[in-house]
Amino acid sequence: MLDSITYSDKVFSMSIPMFLASIFLALALGIGTALVFQFRTKHTASMATTLAIMPPAIALVIMLVNGNIGAGVAVAGAFALVRFRSLPGTAKEIAAIFVAMAVGLACGMTQLLLAVIFFAIMSVTVIVLTLIGFGDKSAKMRQLRVTIPEDLDYYELFDDLMEKYTTEWELSRVKTTNMGTLY
């Protein structure tokens, strides 16, 4: 009698042990993804938590969709809304979210070996690229931000200081702040 509630070929085509294996593997790989993307990177606790819990959540969603086109389109729309309601992150954070989503999708489709292999490849890639400093700016390049009142003529004000203390510089952007009273 209870077997029809917990397991039915028409409603949910996955056994409870396979469901648990998929969810717990997705959780483990999510925690691993969070740890890998934290390696030598500034991060927040909320980002780490998000990366840890996203794969099992996505795995469950994929299990629930289970071939239903309408539910799949609705889920895709919900994911799109979540993306536009959140603050934009760094490129590395966005990549971490995509990796976590891919791991969750693979676990949700019960492709557990594929999820582990993908996680291993991406983890090694991220760690190696971080260790070799791939894409890092030169150690000598810095960004200086100066805030001045709007009534100050700033156009050539700092030229002599920049010439004296830098080898190369450029004014890249002027932006108002404090409701237009400061530049």
N, C-alpha and C. Protein backbone atom coordinates (compact mmCIF):
# COMPACT_ATOMS: atom_id res chain seq x y z
N MET A 1 0.81 -1.18 0.00
CA MET A 1 0.00 0.00 0.00
C MET A 1 0.87 1.27 0.00
N LEU A 2 1.82 1.38 0.93
CA LEU A 2 2.69 2.54 0.97
C LEU A 2 3.68 2.55 -0.20
N ASP A 3 3.90 1.39 -0.79
CA ASP A 3 4.83 1.32 -1.92
C ASP A 3 4.34 2.17 -3.09
N SER A 4 3.04 2.27 -3.27
CA SER A 4 2.51 3.08 -4.36
C SER A 4 2.72 4.57 -4.11
N ILE A 5 2.84 4.98 -2.86
CA ILE A 5 3.08 6.39 -2.55
C ILE A 5 4.54 6.73 -2.73
N THR A 6 5.43 5.85 -2.27
CA THR A 6 6.87 6.16 -2.31
C THR A 6 7.52 5.81 -3.63
N TYR A 7 6.95 4.89 -4.39
CA TYR A 7 7.60 4.48 -5.63
C TYR A 7 6.56 4.01 -6.63
N SER A 8 6.53 4.64 -7.77
CA SER A 8 5.62 4.23 -8.83
C SER A 8 6.28 4.54 -10.16
N ASP A 9 6.16 3.63 -11.12
CA ASP A 9 6.76 3.84 -12.44
C ASP A 9 6.14 5.02 -13.16
N LYS A 10 4.90 5.34 -12.88
CA LYS A 10 4.22 6.42 -13.58
C LYS A 10 4.58 7.79 -13.01
N VAL A 11 4.85 7.87 -11.73
CA VAL A 11 5.09 9.17 -11.11
C VAL A 11 6.58 9.46 -10.99
N PHE A 12 7.34 8.56 -10.43
CA PHE A 12 8.75 8.80 -10.16
C PHE A 12 9.51 7.54 -10.50
N SER A 13 10.27 7.58 -11.56
CA SER A 13 10.90 6.37 -12.08
C SER A 13 12.27 6.11 -11.48
N MET A 14 12.49 6.48 -10.24
CA MET A 14 13.79 6.28 -9.61
C MET A 14 13.58 5.63 -8.25
N SER A 15 14.44 4.70 -7.92
CA SER A 15 14.34 4.04 -6.62
C SER A 15 14.86 4.99 -5.53
N ILE A 16 14.45 4.74 -4.32
CA ILE A 16 14.89 5.58 -3.19
C ILE A 16 16.41 5.51 -3.01
N PRO A 17 17.05 4.33 -3.08
CA PRO A 17 18.52 4.32 -2.95
C PRO A 17 19.22 5.14 -4.04
N MET A 18 18.72 5.09 -5.27
CA MET A 18 19.33 5.86 -6.36
C MET A 18 19.10 7.36 -6.13
N PHE A 19 17.91 7.71 -5.65
CA PHE A 19 17.62 9.10 -5.32
C PHE A 19 18.59 9.62 -4.26
N LEU A 20 18.74 8.85 -3.17
CA LEU A 20 19.64 9.26 -2.09
C LEU A 20 21.09 9.34 -2.56
N ALA A 21 21.51 8.38 -3.36
CA ALA A 21 22.88 8.40 -3.89
C ALA A 21 23.10 9.64 -4.74
N SER A 22 22.14 9.97 -5.59
CA SER A 22 22.26 11.15 -6.45
C SER A 22 22.32 12.44 -5.64
N ILE A 23 21.43 12.57 -4.65
CA ILE A 23 21.38 13.79 -3.85
C ILE A 23 22.64 13.95 -3.00
N PHE A 24 23.07 12.86 -2.34
CA PHE A 24 24.25 12.98 -1.48
C PHE A 24 25.53 13.18 -2.29
N LEU A 25 25.61 12.56 -3.47
CA LEU A 25 26.78 12.81 -4.33
C LEU A 25 26.76 14.26 -4.82
N ALA A 26 25.58 14.76 -5.19
CA ALA A 26 25.48 16.16 -5.62
C ALA A 26 25.88 17.11 -4.49
N LEU A 27 25.49 16.79 -3.26
CA LEU A 27 25.88 17.61 -2.11
C LEU A 27 27.39 17.57 -1.89
N ALA A 28 27.97 16.39 -1.96
CA ALA A 28 29.42 16.25 -1.77
C ALA A 28 30.19 17.00 -2.86
N LEU A 29 29.74 16.87 -4.10
CA LEU A 29 30.41 17.57 -5.20
C LEU A 29 30.17 19.08 -5.11
N GLY A 30 29.03 19.48 -4.61
CA GLY A 30 28.77 20.91 -4.40
C GLY A 30 29.70 21.50 -3.35
N ILE A 31 29.90 20.78 -2.26
CA ILE A 31 30.85 21.24 -1.24
C ILE A 31 32.26 21.26 -1.82
N GLY A 32 32.59 20.25 -2.61
CA GLY A 32 33.90 20.23 -3.27
C GLY A 32 34.06 21.41 -4.22
N THR A 33 33.02 21.73 -4.97
CA THR A 33 33.07 22.88 -5.88
C THR A 33 33.29 24.17 -5.10
N ALA A 34 32.61 24.32 -3.99
CA ALA A 34 32.79 25.52 -3.15
C ALA A 34 34.23 25.61 -2.65
N LEU A 35 34.79 24.49 -2.22
CA LEU A 35 36.17 24.50 -1.72
C LEU A 35 37.17 24.83 -2.83
N VAL A 36 36.96 24.27 -4.00
CA VAL A 36 37.88 24.50 -5.12
C VAL A 36 37.84 25.96 -5.55
N PHE A 37 36.66 26.52 -5.68
CA PHE A 37 36.56 27.90 -6.15
C PHE A 37 36.93 28.92 -5.07
N GLN A 38 37.09 28.49 -3.83
CA GLN A 38 37.58 29.37 -2.78
C GLN A 38 39.10 29.42 -2.75
N PHE A 39 39.74 28.51 -3.43
CA PHE A 39 41.20 28.39 -3.40
C PHE A 39 41.85 29.69 -3.87
N ARG A 40 42.53 30.36 -2.96
CA ARG A 40 43.25 31.60 -3.23
C ARG A 40 42.37 32.68 -3.87
N THR A 41 41.14 32.74 -3.48
CA THR A 41 40.20 33.71 -4.02
C THR A 41 39.41 34.33 -2.88
N LYS A 42 39.16 35.63 -2.97
CA LYS A 42 38.29 36.27 -1.99
C LYS A 42 36.88 35.77 -2.25
N HIS A 43 36.17 35.43 -1.18
CA HIS A 43 34.83 34.87 -1.33
C HIS A 43 33.99 35.23 -0.11
N THR A 44 32.71 35.06 -0.26
CA THR A 44 31.80 35.28 0.85
C THR A 44 31.23 33.94 1.31
N ALA A 45 30.76 33.90 2.53
CA ALA A 45 30.16 32.67 3.05
C ALA A 45 28.89 32.32 2.28
N SER A 46 28.15 33.33 1.85
CA SER A 46 26.91 33.05 1.11
C SER A 46 27.22 32.42 -0.24
N MET A 47 28.31 32.84 -0.88
CA MET A 47 28.67 32.23 -2.17
C MET A 47 29.08 30.77 -1.96
N ALA A 48 29.84 30.50 -0.92
CA ALA A 48 30.26 29.13 -0.64
C ALA A 48 29.05 28.24 -0.33
N THR A 49 28.13 28.76 0.46
CA THR A 49 26.92 28.00 0.78
C THR A 49 26.08 27.75 -0.46
N THR A 50 25.97 28.75 -1.30
CA THR A 50 25.21 28.61 -2.55
C THR A 50 25.81 27.52 -3.42
N LEU A 51 27.14 27.54 -3.57
CA LEU A 51 27.79 26.52 -4.40
C LEU A 51 27.62 25.12 -3.81
N ALA A 52 27.53 25.03 -2.49
CA ALA A 52 27.38 23.73 -1.85
C ALA A 52 25.97 23.16 -2.02
N ILE A 53 24.95 24.01 -1.91
CA ILE A 53 23.57 23.49 -1.95
C ILE A 53 22.94 23.53 -3.33
N MET A 54 23.55 24.21 -4.28
CA MET A 54 22.95 24.29 -5.60
C MET A 54 22.88 22.95 -6.33
N PRO A 55 23.93 22.13 -6.36
CA PRO A 55 23.83 20.86 -7.10
C PRO A 55 22.72 19.92 -6.62
N PRO A 56 22.54 19.69 -5.30
CA PRO A 56 21.41 18.82 -4.95
C PRO A 56 20.05 19.43 -5.27
N ALA A 57 19.93 20.74 -5.18
CA ALA A 57 18.66 21.39 -5.52
C ALA A 57 18.36 21.21 -7.00
N ILE A 58 19.36 21.42 -7.84
CA ILE A 58 19.16 21.25 -9.28
C ILE A 58 18.91 19.79 -9.62
N ALA A 59 19.61 18.89 -8.92
CA ALA A 59 19.39 17.46 -9.15
C ALA A 59 17.94 17.09 -8.88
N LEU A 60 17.39 17.59 -7.79
CA LEU A 60 15.99 17.28 -7.47
C LEU A 60 15.05 17.86 -8.52
N VAL A 61 15.31 19.07 -8.96
CA VAL A 61 14.46 19.68 -9.99
C VAL A 61 14.48 18.83 -11.26
N ILE A 62 15.65 18.39 -11.66
CA ILE A 62 15.75 17.56 -12.87
C ILE A 62 15.02 16.23 -12.67
N MET A 63 15.13 15.66 -11.49
CA MET A 63 14.39 14.41 -11.22
C MET A 63 12.89 14.64 -11.30
N LEU A 64 12.42 15.78 -10.80
CA LEU A 64 10.99 16.06 -10.81
C LEU A 64 10.47 16.37 -12.21
N VAL A 65 11.28 17.03 -13.03
CA VAL A 65 10.87 17.33 -14.40
C VAL A 65 10.72 16.02 -15.17
N ASN A 66 11.70 15.17 -15.08
CA ASN A 66 11.65 13.79 -15.59
C ASN A 66 10.99 13.65 -16.95
N GLY A 67 11.42 14.43 -17.92
CA GLY A 67 10.92 14.29 -19.29
C GLY A 67 9.70 15.11 -19.61
N ASN A 68 9.13 15.82 -18.67
CA ASN A 68 7.94 16.64 -18.91
C ASN A 68 8.39 17.97 -19.52
N ILE A 69 8.06 18.19 -20.80
CA ILE A 69 8.50 19.38 -21.52
C ILE A 69 7.98 20.66 -20.87
N GLY A 70 6.72 20.69 -20.49
CA GLY A 70 6.14 21.88 -19.87
C GLY A 70 6.82 22.23 -18.57
N ALA A 71 7.06 21.24 -17.74
CA ALA A 71 7.75 21.49 -16.47
C ALA A 71 9.19 21.94 -16.73
N GLY A 72 9.82 21.38 -17.74
CA GLY A 72 11.19 21.78 -18.08
C GLY A 72 11.29 23.23 -18.50
N VAL A 73 10.32 23.69 -19.32
CA VAL A 73 10.31 25.08 -19.75
C VAL A 73 10.04 26.00 -18.55
N ALA A 74 9.15 25.60 -17.67
CA ALA A 74 8.86 26.40 -16.47
C ALA A 74 10.08 26.52 -15.58
N VAL A 75 10.81 25.43 -15.41
CA VAL A 75 12.02 25.45 -14.59
C VAL A 75 13.08 26.35 -15.22
N ALA A 76 13.24 26.26 -16.53
CA ALA A 76 14.22 27.12 -17.22
C ALA A 76 13.86 28.59 -17.03
N GLY A 77 12.60 28.91 -17.10
CA GLY A 77 12.16 30.29 -16.87
C GLY A 77 12.43 30.74 -15.45
N ALA A 78 12.21 29.85 -14.49
CA ALA A 78 12.48 30.18 -13.09
C ALA A 78 13.97 30.42 -12.87
N PHE A 79 14.83 29.60 -13.47
CA PHE A 79 16.28 29.80 -13.34
C PHE A 79 16.69 31.14 -13.95
N ALA A 80 16.08 31.50 -15.06
CA ALA A 80 16.41 32.78 -15.70
C ALA A 80 16.01 33.95 -14.80
N LEU A 81 14.85 33.86 -14.16
CA LEU A 81 14.42 34.92 -13.25
C LEU A 81 15.36 35.05 -12.06
N VAL A 82 15.81 33.92 -11.52
CA VAL A 82 16.72 33.94 -10.38
C VAL A 82 18.00 34.65 -10.78
N ARG A 83 18.51 34.42 -11.96
CA ARG A 83 19.76 35.04 -12.41
C ARG A 83 19.62 36.55 -12.48
N PHE A 84 18.52 37.05 -13.00
CA PHE A 84 18.36 38.48 -13.16
C PHE A 84 17.96 39.19 -11.87
N ARG A 85 17.55 38.46 -10.85
CA ARG A 85 17.19 39.06 -9.57
C ARG A 85 18.38 39.13 -8.62
N SER A 86 19.50 38.54 -9.00
CA SER A 86 20.66 38.53 -8.11
C SER A 86 21.70 39.52 -8.59
N LEU A 87 22.58 39.91 -7.67
CA LEU A 87 23.64 40.84 -8.02
C LEU A 87 24.65 40.16 -8.92
N PRO A 88 25.21 40.88 -9.88
CA PRO A 88 26.22 40.26 -10.73
C PRO A 88 27.48 39.99 -9.93
N GLY A 89 28.09 38.88 -10.19
CA GLY A 89 29.31 38.52 -9.49
C GLY A 89 30.50 38.62 -10.41
N THR A 90 31.63 38.15 -9.90
CA THR A 90 32.82 38.13 -10.73
C THR A 90 32.68 37.01 -11.75
N ALA A 91 33.53 37.03 -12.73
CA ALA A 91 33.49 35.99 -13.76
C ALA A 91 33.76 34.62 -13.15
N LYS A 92 34.65 34.57 -12.17
CA LYS A 92 34.96 33.29 -11.53
C LYS A 92 33.76 32.77 -10.74
N GLU A 93 33.01 33.66 -10.10
CA GLU A 93 31.81 33.24 -9.37
C GLU A 93 30.74 32.71 -10.33
N ILE A 94 30.58 33.36 -11.46
CA ILE A 94 29.61 32.90 -12.45
C ILE A 94 30.01 31.53 -12.99
N ALA A 95 31.31 31.35 -13.25
CA ALA A 95 31.80 30.05 -13.71
C ALA A 95 31.54 28.98 -12.65
N ALA A 96 31.75 29.32 -11.39
CA ALA A 96 31.51 28.36 -10.30
C ALA A 96 30.04 27.97 -10.26
N ILE A 97 29.16 28.93 -10.48
CA ILE A 97 27.72 28.62 -10.49
C ILE A 97 27.38 27.68 -11.65
N PHE A 98 27.97 27.91 -12.82
CA PHE A 98 27.72 27.02 -13.95
C PHE A 98 28.25 25.61 -13.69
N VAL A 99 29.41 25.51 -13.06
CA VAL A 99 29.96 24.19 -12.73
C VAL A 99 29.03 23.48 -11.74
N ALA A 100 28.59 24.20 -10.71
CA ALA A 100 27.67 23.61 -9.73
C ALA A 100 26.37 23.17 -10.39
N MET A 101 25.87 23.98 -11.34
CA MET A 101 24.64 23.60 -12.04
C MET A 101 24.86 22.36 -12.89
N ALA A 102 26.00 22.28 -13.58
CA ALA A 102 26.29 21.12 -14.42
C ALA A 102 26.39 19.85 -13.57
N VAL A 103 27.04 19.95 -12.42
CA VAL A 103 27.14 18.80 -11.52
C VAL A 103 25.75 18.38 -11.05
N GLY A 104 24.93 19.34 -10.69
CA GLY A 104 23.56 19.04 -10.26
C GLY A 104 22.73 18.41 -11.37
N LEU A 105 22.88 18.91 -12.59
CA LEU A 105 22.16 18.33 -13.73
C LEU A 105 22.58 16.89 -13.96
N ALA A 106 23.87 16.63 -13.91
CA ALA A 106 24.36 15.26 -14.13
C ALA A 106 23.86 14.32 -13.04
N CYS A 107 23.89 14.78 -11.79
CA CYS A 107 23.39 13.94 -10.69
C CYS A 107 21.89 13.73 -10.80
N GLY A 108 21.17 14.75 -11.20
CA GLY A 108 19.73 14.62 -11.35
C GLY A 108 19.33 13.66 -12.46
N MET A 109 20.19 13.53 -13.45
CA MET A 109 19.93 12.59 -14.55
C MET A 109 20.54 11.22 -14.24
N THR A 110 20.99 11.03 -13.01
CA THR A 110 21.63 9.82 -12.50
C THR A 110 22.88 9.43 -13.28
N GLN A 111 23.55 10.41 -13.82
CA GLN A 111 24.84 10.18 -14.49
C GLN A 111 25.94 10.47 -13.47
N LEU A 112 26.02 9.65 -12.44
CA LEU A 112 26.88 9.92 -11.30
C LEU A 112 28.36 9.88 -11.67
N LEU A 113 28.76 8.91 -12.46
CA LEU A 113 30.16 8.83 -12.87
C LEU A 113 30.55 10.04 -13.70
N LEU A 114 29.67 10.45 -14.59
CA LEU A 114 29.91 11.64 -15.40
C LEU A 114 30.05 12.88 -14.51
N ALA A 115 29.23 12.99 -13.49
CA ALA A 115 29.32 14.13 -12.57
C ALA A 115 30.67 14.15 -11.85
N VAL A 116 31.13 12.99 -11.40
CA VAL A 116 32.41 12.91 -10.68
C VAL A 116 33.56 13.24 -11.62
N ILE A 117 33.54 12.70 -12.84
CA ILE A 117 34.62 12.98 -13.81
C ILE A 117 34.65 14.46 -14.16
N PHE A 118 33.49 15.04 -14.44
CA PHE A 118 33.42 16.46 -14.77
C PHE A 118 33.94 17.31 -13.61
N PHE A 119 33.51 16.98 -12.38
CA PHE A 119 33.97 17.72 -11.21
C PHE A 119 35.50 17.62 -11.08
N ALA A 120 36.05 16.44 -11.27
CA ALA A 120 37.50 16.25 -11.14
C ALA A 120 38.25 17.07 -12.18
N ILE A 121 37.79 17.05 -13.42
CA ILE A 121 38.45 17.80 -14.49
C ILE A 121 38.39 19.30 -14.20
N MET A 122 37.22 19.80 -13.82
CA MET A 122 37.08 21.22 -13.56
C MET A 122 37.88 21.65 -12.33
N SER A 123 37.92 20.81 -11.30
CA SER A 123 38.67 21.15 -10.09
C SER A 123 40.16 21.26 -10.39
N VAL A 124 40.70 20.28 -11.10
CA VAL A 124 42.12 20.31 -11.44
C VAL A 124 42.42 21.53 -12.31
N THR A 125 41.55 21.82 -13.25
CA THR A 125 41.75 22.97 -14.14
C THR A 125 41.77 24.28 -13.35
N VAL A 126 40.81 24.47 -12.46
CA VAL A 126 40.74 25.71 -11.67
C VAL A 126 41.96 25.84 -10.77
N ILE A 127 42.35 24.77 -10.11
CA ILE A 127 43.50 24.84 -9.20
C ILE A 127 44.79 25.12 -9.97
N VAL A 128 45.00 24.44 -11.09
CA VAL A 128 46.22 24.67 -11.88
C VAL A 128 46.26 26.10 -12.43
N LEU A 129 45.15 26.57 -12.98
CA LEU A 129 45.12 27.93 -13.52
C LEU A 129 45.34 28.97 -12.42
N THR A 130 44.82 28.71 -11.23
CA THR A 130 45.04 29.63 -10.11
C THR A 130 46.50 29.61 -9.67
N LEU A 131 47.10 28.43 -9.61
CA LEU A 131 48.49 28.31 -9.17
C LEU A 131 49.46 28.99 -10.14
N ILE A 132 49.19 28.88 -11.43
CA ILE A 132 50.13 29.49 -12.39
C ILE A 132 49.82 30.97 -12.63
N GLY A 133 48.75 31.46 -12.01
CA GLY A 133 48.42 32.88 -12.14
C GLY A 133 47.88 33.22 -13.52
N PHE A 134 47.18 32.30 -14.12
CA PHE A 134 46.64 32.50 -15.47
C PHE A 134 45.70 33.69 -15.49
N GLY A 135 45.98 34.66 -16.37
CA GLY A 135 45.12 35.82 -16.53
C GLY A 135 45.32 36.92 -15.52
N ASP A 136 46.26 36.76 -14.58
CA ASP A 136 46.50 37.81 -13.59
C ASP A 136 47.11 39.03 -14.25
N LYS A 137 46.77 40.19 -13.72
CA LYS A 137 47.39 41.43 -14.18
C LYS A 137 48.83 41.46 -13.70
N SER A 138 49.58 42.29 -14.31
CA SER A 138 50.95 42.49 -13.87
C SER A 138 50.94 42.98 -12.43
N ALA A 139 51.92 42.55 -11.66
CA ALA A 139 51.99 42.95 -10.25
C ALA A 139 52.23 44.45 -10.12
N LYS A 140 52.72 45.09 -11.18
CA LYS A 140 53.01 46.51 -11.12
C LYS A 140 51.80 47.38 -11.49
N MET A 141 50.74 46.78 -12.00
CA MET A 141 49.56 47.56 -12.38
C MET A 141 48.62 47.71 -11.19
N ARG A 142 48.18 48.93 -10.98
CA ARG A 142 47.25 49.23 -9.90
C ARG A 142 46.17 50.18 -10.40
N GLN A 143 45.06 50.22 -9.67
CA GLN A 143 43.99 51.14 -10.00
C GLN A 143 43.85 52.11 -8.84
N LEU A 144 43.82 53.39 -9.15
CA LEU A 144 43.69 54.44 -8.15
C LEU A 144 42.37 55.15 -8.36
N ARG A 145 41.60 55.27 -7.29
CA ARG A 145 40.33 55.99 -7.35
C ARG A 145 40.45 57.22 -6.45
N VAL A 146 40.10 58.36 -7.01
CA VAL A 146 40.18 59.62 -6.28
C VAL A 146 38.79 60.25 -6.29
N THR A 147 38.33 60.70 -5.13
CA THR A 147 37.04 61.37 -5.02
C THR A 147 37.28 62.84 -4.72
N ILE A 148 36.70 63.70 -5.53
CA ILE A 148 36.90 65.14 -5.38
C ILE A 148 35.55 65.85 -5.49
N PRO A 149 35.43 67.06 -4.93
CA PRO A 149 34.18 67.82 -5.08
C PRO A 149 33.96 68.22 -6.53
N GLU A 150 32.71 68.39 -6.91
CA GLU A 150 32.39 68.68 -8.31
C GLU A 150 32.84 70.06 -8.76
N ASP A 151 33.04 71.00 -7.85
CA ASP A 151 33.44 72.35 -8.26
C ASP A 151 34.97 72.48 -8.44
N LEU A 152 35.72 71.41 -8.22
CA LEU A 152 37.17 71.43 -8.39
C LEU A 152 37.51 71.10 -9.84
N ASP A 153 38.39 71.88 -10.45
CA ASP A 153 38.81 71.61 -11.82
C ASP A 153 39.85 70.50 -11.79
N TYR A 154 39.44 69.28 -12.07
CA TYR A 154 40.29 68.11 -11.90
C TYR A 154 41.05 67.69 -13.16
N TYR A 155 40.73 68.29 -14.29
CA TYR A 155 41.23 67.76 -15.57
C TYR A 155 42.74 67.55 -15.59
N GLU A 156 43.54 68.53 -15.18
CA GLU A 156 45.00 68.36 -15.18
C GLU A 156 45.58 68.49 -13.77
N LEU A 157 44.73 68.36 -12.76
CA LEU A 157 45.13 68.58 -11.38
C LEU A 157 46.19 67.58 -10.89
N PHE A 158 46.06 66.33 -11.28
CA PHE A 158 46.95 65.29 -10.76
C PHE A 158 48.06 64.89 -11.74
N ASP A 159 48.18 65.57 -12.86
CA ASP A 159 49.16 65.20 -13.88
C ASP A 159 50.58 65.19 -13.35
N ASP A 160 50.98 66.21 -12.60
CA ASP A 160 52.35 66.28 -12.11
C ASP A 160 52.66 65.15 -11.12
N LEU A 161 51.70 64.81 -10.26
CA LEU A 161 51.90 63.70 -9.33
C LEU A 161 52.01 62.37 -10.04
N MET A 162 51.16 62.17 -11.04
CA MET A 162 51.18 60.92 -11.79
C MET A 162 52.49 60.77 -12.57
N GLU A 163 52.96 61.85 -13.16
CA GLU A 163 54.22 61.80 -13.91
C GLU A 163 55.39 61.47 -12.98
N LYS A 164 55.34 62.01 -11.76
CA LYS A 164 56.44 61.81 -10.83
C LYS A 164 56.47 60.39 -10.25
N TYR A 165 55.31 59.85 -9.89
CA TYR A 165 55.27 58.60 -9.14
C TYR A 165 54.84 57.36 -9.95
N THR A 166 54.56 57.52 -11.21
CA THR A 166 54.19 56.36 -12.03
C THR A 166 55.02 56.32 -13.30
N THR A 167 55.10 55.13 -13.88
CA THR A 167 55.78 55.02 -15.17
C THR A 167 54.80 55.20 -16.32
N GLU A 168 53.55 54.87 -16.06
CA GLU A 168 52.51 55.01 -17.08
C GLU A 168 51.17 55.14 -16.36
N TRP A 169 50.28 55.99 -16.86
CA TRP A 169 48.97 56.16 -16.24
C TRP A 169 47.99 56.65 -17.28
N GLU A 170 46.70 56.48 -16.94
CA GLU A 170 45.64 57.01 -17.80
C GLU A 170 44.40 57.27 -16.97
N LEU A 171 43.69 58.30 -17.34
CA LEU A 171 42.40 58.60 -16.74
C LEU A 171 41.37 57.80 -17.52
N SER A 172 40.80 56.81 -16.89
CA SER A 172 39.91 55.92 -17.64
C SER A 172 38.44 56.26 -17.48
N ARG A 173 38.07 56.89 -16.37
CA ARG A 173 36.65 57.14 -16.16
C ARG A 173 36.45 58.21 -15.11
N VAL A 174 35.43 59.03 -15.31
CA VAL A 174 35.01 60.02 -14.32
C VAL A 174 33.55 59.72 -14.01
N LYS A 175 33.23 59.63 -12.73
CA LYS A 175 31.90 59.23 -12.32
C LYS A 175 31.47 60.09 -11.14
N THR A 176 30.22 60.51 -11.13
CA THR A 176 29.73 61.30 -10.00
C THR A 176 29.29 60.37 -8.88
N THR A 177 29.34 60.90 -7.67
CA THR A 177 28.89 60.16 -6.51
C THR A 177 28.23 61.13 -5.54
N ASN A 178 27.60 60.63 -4.54
CA ASN A 178 26.95 61.47 -3.53
C ASN A 178 25.96 62.43 -4.17
N MET A 179 25.09 61.87 -5.01
CA MET A 179 24.04 62.63 -5.72
C MET A 179 24.60 63.76 -6.59
N GLY A 180 25.77 63.50 -7.20
CA GLY A 180 26.35 64.44 -8.12
C GLY A 180 27.21 65.52 -7.52
N THR A 181 27.40 65.49 -6.19
CA THR A 181 28.21 66.53 -5.56
C THR A 181 29.69 66.20 -5.55
N LEU A 182 30.03 64.95 -5.80
CA LEU A 182 31.44 64.53 -5.84
C LEU A 182 31.72 63.79 -7.14
N TYR A 183 32.95 63.93 -7.64
CA TYR A 183 33.37 63.16 -8.81
C TYR A 183 34.29 62.06 -8.39
